[in-house]
Protein backbone atom coordinates (compact mmCIF):
# COMPACT_ATOMS: atom_id res chain seq x y z
CA UNK A 1 72.56 -84.93 62.71
CA UNK A 2 71.36 -82.66 59.93
CA UNK A 3 73.46 -79.90 58.40
CA UNK A 4 71.74 -76.95 60.09
CA UNK A 5 73.36 -74.18 62.12
CA UNK A 6 71.93 -74.08 65.64
CA UNK A 7 72.37 -70.31 65.94
CA UNK A 8 71.39 -68.88 62.56
CA UNK A 9 69.25 -71.73 61.18
CA UNK A 10 71.18 -71.83 57.90
CA UNK A 11 70.84 -75.06 55.93
CA UNK A 12 72.07 -76.49 52.66
CA UNK A 13 70.71 -75.00 49.44
CA UNK A 14 70.12 -76.69 46.10
CA UNK A 15 71.40 -75.33 42.82
CA UNK A 16 72.87 -76.31 39.50
CA UNK A 17 76.31 -77.15 38.20
CA UNK A 18 76.51 -75.38 34.86
CA UNK A 19 78.99 -76.78 32.35
CA UNK A 20 80.62 -74.86 29.52
CA UNK A 21 77.89 -76.14 27.19
CA UNK A 22 75.26 -74.80 29.66
CA UNK A 23 74.15 -78.30 30.65
CA UNK A 24 72.72 -78.24 34.18
CA UNK A 25 72.99 -80.93 36.85
CA UNK A 26 71.79 -80.66 40.43
CA UNK A 27 74.20 -79.92 43.26
CA UNK A 28 74.11 -78.85 46.92
CA UNK A 29 75.61 -75.76 48.49
CA UNK A 30 76.48 -76.94 51.99
CA UNK A 31 76.84 -74.68 55.00
CA UNK A 32 80.28 -74.05 56.53
CA UNK A 33 79.49 -76.03 59.71
CA UNK A 34 81.72 -77.14 62.55
CA UNK A 35 81.25 -78.36 66.10
CA UNK A 36 82.54 -76.02 68.79
CA UNK A 37 82.39 -76.05 72.57
CA UNK A 38 81.52 -72.87 74.46
CA UNK A 39 81.63 -72.08 78.15
CA UNK A 40 78.24 -70.71 79.18
CA UNK A 41 78.93 -68.43 82.13
CA UNK A 42 75.27 -67.93 83.12
CA UNK A 43 74.71 -71.70 83.51
CA UNK A 44 78.31 -72.47 84.61
CA UNK A 45 78.69 -75.31 82.10
CA UNK A 46 80.22 -76.23 78.76
CA UNK A 47 77.90 -76.65 75.77
CA UNK A 48 78.66 -78.08 72.35
CA UNK A 49 77.05 -76.37 69.36
CA UNK A 50 77.05 -77.16 65.68
CA UNK A 51 77.41 -73.71 64.18
CA UNK A 52 78.32 -72.03 60.92
CA UNK A 53 80.97 -69.36 60.46
CA UNK A 54 78.20 -66.75 60.44
CA UNK A 55 76.87 -68.18 63.71
CA UNK A 56 80.30 -67.85 65.29
CA UNK A 57 80.44 -64.20 64.22
CA UNK A 58 76.96 -63.69 65.75
CA UNK A 59 78.15 -65.15 69.06
CA UNK A 60 81.24 -62.95 69.01
CA UNK A 61 79.10 -59.88 68.34
CA UNK A 62 76.11 -60.45 70.66
CA UNK A 63 77.51 -62.79 73.28
CA UNK A 64 76.66 -66.43 73.88
CA UNK A 65 73.65 -65.91 76.15
CA UNK A 66 71.93 -63.39 73.86
CA UNK A 67 72.60 -65.52 70.77
CA UNK A 68 71.18 -68.64 72.45
CA UNK A 69 68.05 -66.75 73.55
CA UNK A 70 67.52 -65.41 70.04
CA UNK A 71 68.03 -68.86 68.48
CA UNK A 72 65.62 -70.45 70.97
CA UNK A 73 62.94 -67.83 70.28
CA UNK A 74 63.22 -68.46 66.54
CA UNK A 75 63.17 -72.22 67.02
CA UNK A 76 66.66 -72.96 65.64
CA UNK A 77 67.98 -74.44 68.85
CA UNK A 78 66.77 -77.97 69.39
CA UNK A 79 67.98 -78.28 72.98
């Protein structure tokens, strides 16, 4: 499974490690992802999502149903 948040669509970014001598080597900035189960009241079932910390804050702010609808309309949700 790829490192993409199912609510916000955030994915890993690429950047540089910069040493003291300003030598640059490639590195990845990964997303703060974790798997969490939510109870979806409208469907009366448990769902498991792979979300970032920002996605969890979005669910807390908007509610699970509204966040899932928004993610599905933007194409982030693959289910």
